[in-house]
Amino acid sequence: NIDVYDLYGSQLSVDGTSFSSPHITASVALLQEYGDRQIFKKAQNWSINSRRHEISKAVLINSADKIKDDGDGLFLNII
């Protein structure tokens, strides 16, 4: 649920990939930039491997809040 404004100034709560994709893309761009800076500075334990998509995915997944469903699918709206 992301709060946005419509053309008339009313606030709406929306969801979907079209609203989440820009946030994920920007997050990955920031991670890539940070990795590039560490490589450029020749920081310890940083290599070109930090540019791999698996690394960005692991960082995003491991830093996300884990939300547990009770098993009935109602909390995450998957049914």
N, C-alpha and C. Protein backbone atom coordinates (compact mmCIF):
# COMPACT_ATOMS: atom_id res chain seq x y z
N ASN A 1 0.84 -1.19 0.00
CA ASN A 1 0.00 0.00 0.00
C ASN A 1 0.88 1.24 0.00
N ILE A 2 0.79 1.98 -1.09
CA ILE A 2 1.56 3.22 -1.24
C ILE A 2 0.57 4.36 -1.39
N ASP A 3 0.75 5.40 -0.58
CA ASP A 3 -0.15 6.55 -0.65
C ASP A 3 0.30 7.49 -1.77
N VAL A 4 -0.62 7.80 -2.68
CA VAL A 4 -0.35 8.72 -3.78
C VAL A 4 -1.52 9.69 -3.89
N TYR A 5 -1.34 10.72 -4.70
CA TYR A 5 -2.40 11.70 -4.94
C TYR A 5 -2.89 11.57 -6.38
N ASP A 6 -4.19 11.71 -6.58
CA ASP A 6 -4.74 11.68 -7.93
C ASP A 6 -4.67 13.09 -8.53
N LEU A 7 -5.19 13.25 -9.74
CA LEU A 7 -5.11 14.53 -10.44
C LEU A 7 -5.87 15.64 -9.74
N TYR A 8 -6.80 15.28 -8.87
CA TYR A 8 -7.63 16.27 -8.17
C TYR A 8 -7.14 16.57 -6.76
N GLY A 9 -6.01 15.96 -6.36
CA GLY A 9 -5.43 16.22 -5.05
C GLY A 9 -5.93 15.32 -3.95
N SER A 10 -6.74 14.33 -4.29
CA SER A 10 -7.22 13.38 -3.29
C SER A 10 -6.19 12.28 -3.10
N GLN A 11 -6.04 11.85 -1.84
CA GLN A 11 -5.06 10.82 -1.54
C GLN A 11 -5.67 9.44 -1.76
N LEU A 12 -4.91 8.57 -2.43
CA LEU A 12 -5.33 7.21 -2.70
C LEU A 12 -4.28 6.24 -2.15
N SER A 13 -4.72 5.05 -1.81
CA SER A 13 -3.80 3.99 -1.42
C SER A 13 -3.78 2.97 -2.55
N VAL A 14 -2.61 2.78 -3.15
CA VAL A 14 -2.49 1.90 -4.31
C VAL A 14 -1.43 0.84 -4.04
N ASP A 15 -1.43 -0.20 -4.86
CA ASP A 15 -0.40 -1.22 -4.78
C ASP A 15 -0.15 -1.78 -6.16
N GLY A 16 0.83 -2.63 -6.28
CA GLY A 16 1.14 -3.25 -7.56
C GLY A 16 2.57 -3.01 -7.97
N THR A 17 3.00 -3.78 -8.97
CA THR A 17 4.39 -3.70 -9.42
C THR A 17 4.71 -2.36 -10.07
N SER A 18 3.73 -1.71 -10.66
CA SER A 18 4.04 -0.43 -11.31
C SER A 18 4.41 0.64 -10.29
N PHE A 19 4.03 0.45 -9.05
CA PHE A 19 4.39 1.40 -8.00
C PHE A 19 5.63 0.95 -7.23
N SER A 20 5.87 -0.34 -7.16
CA SER A 20 7.03 -0.83 -6.40
C SER A 20 8.30 -0.88 -7.24
N SER A 21 8.18 -1.08 -8.54
CA SER A 21 9.36 -1.22 -9.40
C SER A 21 10.32 -0.03 -9.33
N PRO A 22 9.84 1.21 -9.36
CA PRO A 22 10.79 2.33 -9.26
C PRO A 22 11.57 2.34 -7.94
N HIS A 23 10.94 1.91 -6.87
CA HIS A 23 11.63 1.87 -5.57
C HIS A 23 12.72 0.81 -5.57
N ILE A 24 12.43 -0.35 -6.11
CA ILE A 24 13.42 -1.43 -6.16
C ILE A 24 14.56 -1.04 -7.11
N THR A 25 14.22 -0.47 -8.25
CA THR A 25 15.25 -0.06 -9.21
C THR A 25 16.20 0.96 -8.60
N ALA A 26 15.65 1.93 -7.89
CA ALA A 26 16.48 2.95 -7.23
C ALA A 26 17.34 2.32 -6.14
N SER A 27 16.79 1.39 -5.39
CA SER A 27 17.56 0.72 -4.34
C SER A 27 18.74 -0.05 -4.92
N VAL A 28 18.51 -0.77 -6.00
CA VAL A 28 19.59 -1.51 -6.65
C VAL A 28 20.64 -0.54 -7.21
N ALA A 29 20.20 0.58 -7.78
CA ALA A 29 21.15 1.57 -8.30
C ALA A 29 22.04 2.10 -7.18
N LEU A 30 21.46 2.37 -6.02
CA LEU A 30 22.26 2.85 -4.89
C LEU A 30 23.24 1.79 -4.40
N LEU A 31 22.80 0.53 -4.37
CA LEU A 31 23.70 -0.55 -3.98
C LEU A 31 24.86 -0.68 -4.97
N GLN A 32 24.55 -0.59 -6.27
CA GLN A 32 25.59 -0.69 -7.29
C GLN A 32 26.58 0.47 -7.17
N GLU A 33 26.07 1.66 -6.93
CA GLU A 33 26.95 2.83 -6.79
C GLU A 33 27.87 2.67 -5.58
N TYR A 34 27.30 2.18 -4.47
CA TYR A 34 28.11 1.98 -3.26
C TYR A 34 29.21 0.96 -3.53
N GLY A 35 28.85 -0.14 -4.19
CA GLY A 35 29.84 -1.16 -4.53
C GLY A 35 30.94 -0.61 -5.42
N ASP A 36 30.55 0.19 -6.41
CA ASP A 36 31.54 0.79 -7.31
C ASP A 36 32.50 1.69 -6.54
N ARG A 37 31.98 2.44 -5.60
CA ARG A 37 32.86 3.33 -4.81
C ARG A 37 33.83 2.53 -3.95
N GLN A 38 33.36 1.42 -3.40
CA GLN A 38 34.24 0.59 -2.58
C GLN A 38 35.33 -0.05 -3.43
N ILE A 39 34.97 -0.48 -4.65
CA ILE A 39 35.96 -1.06 -5.55
C ILE A 39 36.97 0.00 -5.95
N PHE A 40 36.48 1.20 -6.29
CA PHE A 40 37.37 2.29 -6.70
C PHE A 40 38.36 2.65 -5.59
N LYS A 41 37.87 2.64 -4.33
CA LYS A 41 38.73 2.95 -3.19
C LYS A 41 39.63 1.78 -2.82
N LYS A 42 39.43 0.64 -3.52
CA LYS A 42 40.18 -0.58 -3.23
C LYS A 42 40.00 -1.01 -1.77
N ALA A 43 38.76 -0.89 -1.31
CA ALA A 43 38.44 -1.28 0.06
C ALA A 43 38.62 -2.79 0.23
N GLN A 44 38.98 -3.19 1.43
CA GLN A 44 39.15 -4.61 1.72
C GLN A 44 37.85 -5.37 1.51
N ASN A 45 37.95 -6.59 1.05
CA ASN A 45 36.83 -7.51 0.87
C ASN A 45 35.83 -7.06 -0.18
N TRP A 46 36.20 -6.12 -1.04
CA TRP A 46 35.31 -5.70 -2.13
C TRP A 46 35.97 -6.05 -3.44
N SER A 47 35.19 -6.61 -4.34
CA SER A 47 35.71 -6.96 -5.67
C SER A 47 34.61 -6.71 -6.69
N ILE A 48 34.92 -7.01 -7.94
CA ILE A 48 33.95 -6.84 -9.01
C ILE A 48 32.71 -7.72 -8.79
N ASN A 49 32.83 -8.72 -7.95
CA ASN A 49 31.68 -9.59 -7.63
C ASN A 49 30.54 -8.82 -6.98
N SER A 50 30.84 -7.68 -6.39
CA SER A 50 29.77 -6.88 -5.77
C SER A 50 28.80 -6.34 -6.81
N ARG A 51 29.17 -6.37 -8.09
CA ARG A 51 28.29 -5.91 -9.17
C ARG A 51 27.30 -7.00 -9.61
N ARG A 52 27.48 -8.21 -9.14
CA ARG A 52 26.62 -9.31 -9.59
C ARG A 52 25.20 -9.14 -9.06
N HIS A 53 24.22 -9.52 -9.88
CA HIS A 53 22.82 -9.34 -9.50
C HIS A 53 22.44 -10.19 -8.29
N GLU A 54 23.11 -11.32 -8.10
CA GLU A 54 22.82 -12.16 -6.94
C GLU A 54 23.14 -11.45 -5.63
N ILE A 55 24.17 -10.63 -5.65
CA ILE A 55 24.58 -9.89 -4.45
C ILE A 55 23.52 -8.84 -4.11
N SER A 56 23.07 -8.09 -5.12
CA SER A 56 22.03 -7.09 -4.87
C SER A 56 20.75 -7.75 -4.36
N LYS A 57 20.39 -8.87 -4.95
CA LYS A 57 19.20 -9.59 -4.51
C LYS A 57 19.34 -10.04 -3.06
N ALA A 58 20.49 -10.59 -2.71
CA ALA A 58 20.71 -11.06 -1.34
C ALA A 58 20.63 -9.92 -0.34
N VAL A 59 21.21 -8.77 -0.69
CA VAL A 59 21.17 -7.61 0.21
C VAL A 59 19.74 -7.14 0.41
N LEU A 60 18.98 -7.04 -0.67
CA LEU A 60 17.59 -6.60 -0.56
C LEU A 60 16.74 -7.57 0.25
N ILE A 61 16.88 -8.86 -0.02
CA ILE A 61 16.07 -9.85 0.69
C ILE A 61 16.44 -9.90 2.17
N ASN A 62 17.73 -9.86 2.47
CA ASN A 62 18.16 -9.97 3.87
C ASN A 62 17.91 -8.70 4.68
N SER A 63 17.69 -7.57 4.00
CA SER A 63 17.44 -6.34 4.74
C SER A 63 15.95 -6.01 4.83
N ALA A 64 15.11 -6.78 4.17
CA ALA A 64 13.67 -6.54 4.19
C ALA A 64 13.04 -7.04 5.49
N ASP A 65 11.96 -6.39 5.89
CA ASP A 65 11.20 -6.86 7.04
C ASP A 65 10.53 -8.17 6.67
N LYS A 66 10.65 -9.15 7.54
CA LYS A 66 10.03 -10.45 7.30
C LYS A 66 8.63 -10.43 7.91
N ILE A 67 7.63 -10.67 7.08
CA ILE A 67 6.24 -10.67 7.53
C ILE A 67 5.72 -12.09 7.48
N LYS A 68 5.28 -12.60 8.62
CA LYS A 68 4.81 -13.97 8.68
C LYS A 68 3.29 -14.01 8.61
N ASP A 69 2.80 -14.87 7.75
CA ASP A 69 1.37 -15.11 7.63
C ASP A 69 1.00 -16.23 8.57
N ASP A 70 -0.21 -16.23 9.09
CA ASP A 70 -0.65 -17.28 10.00
C ASP A 70 -0.90 -18.61 9.31
N GLY A 71 -0.78 -18.64 8.00
CA GLY A 71 -1.00 -19.87 7.26
C GLY A 71 -2.33 -19.91 6.54
N ASP A 72 -3.18 -18.94 6.81
CA ASP A 72 -4.49 -18.92 6.15
C ASP A 72 -4.48 -18.00 4.92
N GLY A 73 -3.39 -17.29 4.67
CA GLY A 73 -3.28 -16.43 3.50
C GLY A 73 -3.97 -15.09 3.63
N LEU A 74 -4.62 -14.82 4.74
CA LEU A 74 -5.38 -13.60 4.88
C LEU A 74 -4.52 -12.35 5.12
N PHE A 75 -3.44 -12.51 5.88
CA PHE A 75 -2.62 -11.36 6.22
C PHE A 75 -1.93 -10.79 4.98
N LEU A 76 -1.40 -11.66 4.13
CA LEU A 76 -0.68 -11.22 2.95
C LEU A 76 -1.57 -11.15 1.72
N ASN A 77 -2.85 -11.39 1.87
CA ASN A 77 -3.83 -11.32 0.77
C ASN A 77 -3.43 -12.20 -0.42
N ILE A 78 -3.05 -13.45 -0.13
CA ILE A 78 -2.63 -14.32 -1.22
C ILE A 78 -3.71 -15.31 -1.64
N ILE A 79 -4.89 -15.16 -1.07
CA ILE A 79 -6.00 -16.02 -1.53
C ILE A 79 -7.16 -15.17 -1.96
